[in-house]
N, C-alpha and C. Protein backbone atom coordinates (compact mmCIF):
# COMPACT_ATOMS: atom_id res chain seq x y z
N UNK A 1 -33.39 -4.99 2.58
CA UNK A 1 -32.81 -4.88 3.91
C UNK A 1 -32.95 -6.22 4.61
N UNK A 2 -31.91 -6.70 5.28
CA UNK A 2 -31.94 -7.98 5.96
C UNK A 2 -32.61 -7.85 7.31
N UNK A 3 -33.30 -8.91 7.73
CA UNK A 3 -33.93 -8.90 9.05
C UNK A 3 -32.89 -9.20 10.12
N UNK A 4 -33.29 -9.02 11.36
CA UNK A 4 -32.36 -9.22 12.47
C UNK A 4 -31.84 -10.66 12.48
N UNK A 5 -32.70 -11.62 12.24
CA UNK A 5 -32.28 -13.02 12.23
C UNK A 5 -31.23 -13.32 11.19
N UNK A 6 -31.37 -12.70 10.02
CA UNK A 6 -30.38 -12.90 8.97
C UNK A 6 -29.05 -12.27 9.32
N UNK A 7 -29.09 -11.09 9.97
CA UNK A 7 -27.85 -10.43 10.36
C UNK A 7 -27.08 -11.27 11.37
N UNK A 8 -27.79 -11.86 12.33
CA UNK A 8 -27.13 -12.67 13.34
C UNK A 8 -26.49 -13.92 12.73
N UNK A 9 -27.11 -14.49 11.72
CA UNK A 9 -26.56 -15.70 11.12
C UNK A 9 -25.29 -15.41 10.32
N UNK A 10 -25.08 -14.14 9.95
CA UNK A 10 -23.90 -13.75 9.18
C UNK A 10 -22.71 -13.39 10.07
N UNK A 11 -22.91 -13.34 11.39
CA UNK A 11 -21.84 -12.94 12.30
C UNK A 11 -20.78 -14.03 12.35
N UNK A 12 -19.52 -13.62 12.23
CA UNK A 12 -18.40 -14.56 12.26
C UNK A 12 -17.40 -14.06 13.30
N UNK A 13 -16.95 -14.95 14.17
CA UNK A 13 -15.94 -14.60 15.16
C UNK A 13 -14.58 -14.65 14.49
N UNK A 14 -13.91 -13.51 14.39
CA UNK A 14 -12.68 -13.45 13.62
C UNK A 14 -11.42 -13.31 14.47
N UNK A 15 -11.54 -13.11 15.76
CA UNK A 15 -10.34 -12.89 16.56
C UNK A 15 -9.85 -14.15 17.27
N UNK A 16 -10.24 -15.30 16.80
CA UNK A 16 -9.79 -16.56 17.38
C UNK A 16 -8.59 -17.07 16.58
N UNK A 17 -7.52 -17.39 17.28
CA UNK A 17 -6.29 -17.83 16.60
C UNK A 17 -6.04 -19.32 16.79
N UNK A 18 -6.78 -20.14 16.19
CA UNK A 18 -6.52 -21.58 16.27
C UNK A 18 -7.63 -22.31 16.99
N UNK A 19 -7.56 -23.62 16.88
CA UNK A 19 -8.61 -24.46 17.45
C UNK A 19 -8.23 -25.08 18.78
N UNK A 20 -6.98 -24.94 19.19
CA UNK A 20 -6.53 -25.56 20.44
C UNK A 20 -6.96 -24.73 21.64
N UNK A 21 -7.61 -25.37 22.63
CA UNK A 21 -7.98 -24.62 23.84
C UNK A 21 -6.74 -24.29 24.67
N UNK A 22 -6.83 -23.21 25.41
CA UNK A 22 -5.72 -22.83 26.29
C UNK A 22 -5.60 -23.85 27.41
N UNK A 23 -4.38 -24.21 27.81
CA UNK A 23 -4.22 -25.18 28.89
C UNK A 23 -4.71 -24.60 30.22
N UNK A 24 -5.27 -25.46 31.04
CA UNK A 24 -5.73 -25.06 32.37
C UNK A 24 -4.62 -25.39 33.36
N UNK A 25 -4.14 -24.37 34.02
CA UNK A 25 -3.06 -24.57 34.98
C UNK A 25 -3.66 -24.88 36.35
N UNK A 26 -3.30 -26.01 36.91
CA UNK A 26 -3.78 -26.42 38.23
C UNK A 26 -2.61 -26.37 39.19
N UNK A 27 -2.88 -25.92 40.40
CA UNK A 27 -1.84 -25.91 41.41
C UNK A 27 -2.35 -26.62 42.65
N UNK A 28 -1.45 -27.12 43.44
CA UNK A 28 -1.85 -27.73 44.70
C UNK A 28 -2.21 -26.62 45.67
N UNK A 29 -3.39 -26.71 46.31
CA UNK A 29 -3.79 -25.64 47.21
C UNK A 29 -2.92 -25.61 48.46
N UNK A 30 -2.69 -24.40 48.95
CA UNK A 30 -1.92 -24.27 50.18
C UNK A 30 -2.83 -24.57 51.37
N UNK A 31 -2.24 -24.73 52.52
CA UNK A 31 -3.01 -25.02 53.72
C UNK A 31 -4.02 -23.89 54.00
N UNK A 32 -3.63 -22.65 53.70
CA UNK A 32 -4.53 -21.50 53.91
C UNK A 32 -5.75 -21.59 53.00
N UNK A 33 -5.55 -22.08 51.79
CA UNK A 33 -6.66 -22.18 50.83
C UNK A 33 -7.72 -23.17 51.25
N UNK A 34 -7.37 -24.13 52.07
CA UNK A 34 -8.32 -25.17 52.45
C UNK A 34 -8.64 -25.16 53.94
N UNK A 35 -8.35 -24.08 54.62
CA UNK A 35 -8.61 -24.03 56.06
C UNK A 35 -10.12 -24.05 56.32
N UNK A 36 -10.51 -24.59 57.46
CA UNK A 36 -11.92 -24.66 57.82
C UNK A 36 -12.49 -23.26 58.04
N UNK A 37 -11.67 -22.37 58.56
CA UNK A 37 -12.14 -21.00 58.77
C UNK A 37 -12.53 -20.35 57.45
N UNK A 38 -11.68 -20.51 56.46
CA UNK A 38 -11.96 -19.95 55.13
C UNK A 38 -13.19 -20.63 54.53
N UNK A 39 -13.30 -21.95 54.70
CA UNK A 39 -14.45 -22.69 54.19
C UNK A 39 -15.74 -22.15 54.77
N UNK A 40 -15.81 -21.98 56.08
CA UNK A 40 -17.03 -21.50 56.73
C UNK A 40 -17.33 -20.06 56.36
N UNK A 41 -16.29 -19.25 56.16
CA UNK A 41 -16.48 -17.87 55.73
C UNK A 41 -17.14 -17.83 54.35
N UNK A 42 -16.63 -18.65 53.44
CA UNK A 42 -17.20 -18.70 52.10
C UNK A 42 -18.61 -19.28 52.10
N UNK A 43 -18.84 -20.29 52.93
CA UNK A 43 -20.17 -20.89 53.03
C UNK A 43 -21.18 -19.88 53.57
N UNK A 44 -20.76 -19.08 54.54
CA UNK A 44 -21.63 -18.04 55.09
C UNK A 44 -21.97 -17.01 54.04
N UNK A 45 -20.97 -16.58 53.26
CA UNK A 45 -21.22 -15.61 52.18
C UNK A 45 -22.16 -16.19 51.13
N UNK A 46 -21.96 -17.45 50.78
CA UNK A 46 -22.80 -18.09 49.79
C UNK A 46 -24.24 -18.19 50.28
N UNK A 47 -24.42 -18.54 51.55
CA UNK A 47 -25.75 -18.64 52.14
C UNK A 47 -26.43 -17.27 52.15
N UNK A 48 -25.70 -16.24 52.52
CA UNK A 48 -26.26 -14.88 52.54
C UNK A 48 -26.67 -14.47 51.14
N UNK A 49 -25.82 -14.77 50.16
CA UNK A 49 -26.14 -14.44 48.77
C UNK A 49 -27.42 -15.15 48.33
N UNK A 50 -27.55 -16.42 48.67
CA UNK A 50 -28.73 -17.19 48.28
C UNK A 50 -30.00 -16.62 48.92
N UNK A 51 -29.91 -16.22 50.20
CA UNK A 51 -31.07 -15.64 50.87
C UNK A 51 -31.46 -14.29 50.25
N UNK A 52 -30.46 -13.45 49.95
CA UNK A 52 -30.74 -12.16 49.33
C UNK A 52 -31.33 -12.33 47.93
N UNK A 53 -30.84 -13.31 47.20
CA UNK A 53 -31.38 -13.57 45.86
C UNK A 53 -32.83 -14.02 45.95
N UNK A 54 -33.14 -14.88 46.92
CA UNK A 54 -34.51 -15.34 47.11
C UNK A 54 -35.43 -14.16 47.47
N UNK A 55 -34.95 -13.28 48.35
CA UNK A 55 -35.75 -12.10 48.71
C UNK A 55 -35.97 -11.19 47.51
N UNK A 56 -34.94 -11.00 46.70
CA UNK A 56 -35.07 -10.17 45.51
C UNK A 56 -36.07 -10.77 44.52
N UNK A 57 -36.00 -12.08 44.32
CA UNK A 57 -36.94 -12.75 43.42
C UNK A 57 -38.36 -12.64 43.93
N UNK A 58 -38.56 -12.74 45.23
CA UNK A 58 -39.89 -12.61 45.82
C UNK A 58 -40.41 -11.18 45.62
N UNK A 59 -39.55 -10.18 45.80
CA UNK A 59 -39.95 -8.79 45.58
C UNK A 59 -40.34 -8.55 44.13
N UNK A 60 -39.60 -9.15 43.21
CA UNK A 60 -39.93 -9.02 41.78
C UNK A 60 -41.29 -9.63 41.48
N UNK A 61 -41.57 -10.80 42.06
CA UNK A 61 -42.87 -11.44 41.85
C UNK A 61 -43.99 -10.55 42.36
N UNK A 62 -43.79 -9.95 43.55
CA UNK A 62 -44.82 -9.07 44.11
C UNK A 62 -45.03 -7.86 43.22
N UNK A 63 -43.96 -7.30 42.68
CA UNK A 63 -44.10 -6.16 41.78
C UNK A 63 -44.87 -6.53 40.52
N UNK A 64 -44.59 -7.69 39.95
CA UNK A 64 -45.33 -8.12 38.77
C UNK A 64 -46.79 -8.34 39.07
N UNK A 65 -47.08 -8.95 40.24
CA UNK A 65 -48.48 -9.16 40.61
C UNK A 65 -49.20 -7.83 40.79
N UNK A 66 -48.52 -6.89 41.45
CA UNK A 66 -49.11 -5.57 41.66
C UNK A 66 -49.33 -4.88 40.32
N UNK A 67 -48.36 -4.95 39.44
CA UNK A 67 -48.45 -4.31 38.14
C UNK A 67 -49.58 -4.90 37.31
N UNK A 68 -49.73 -6.22 37.36
CA UNK A 68 -50.75 -6.88 36.55
C UNK A 68 -52.16 -6.64 37.08
N UNK A 69 -52.31 -6.31 38.35
CA UNK A 69 -53.63 -6.08 38.92
C UNK A 69 -54.06 -4.62 38.81
N UNK A 70 -53.21 -3.76 38.32
CA UNK A 70 -53.58 -2.33 38.18
C UNK A 70 -54.40 -2.09 36.94
């Protein structure tokens, strides 16, 4: 019986049709896409996400500390 490491080394990706990467389509952004209002809205969402992620990471650390001291 093969070990897990050997099984993974035998995996072959078979659904790829060629070596050429798909072209990346770029478009010129519209005025709406670059408005300051939209920019600040996205920046606010990003900041909120970063704060929530930091809080979640801190909660995880506290749980691990609590778990390890039991």
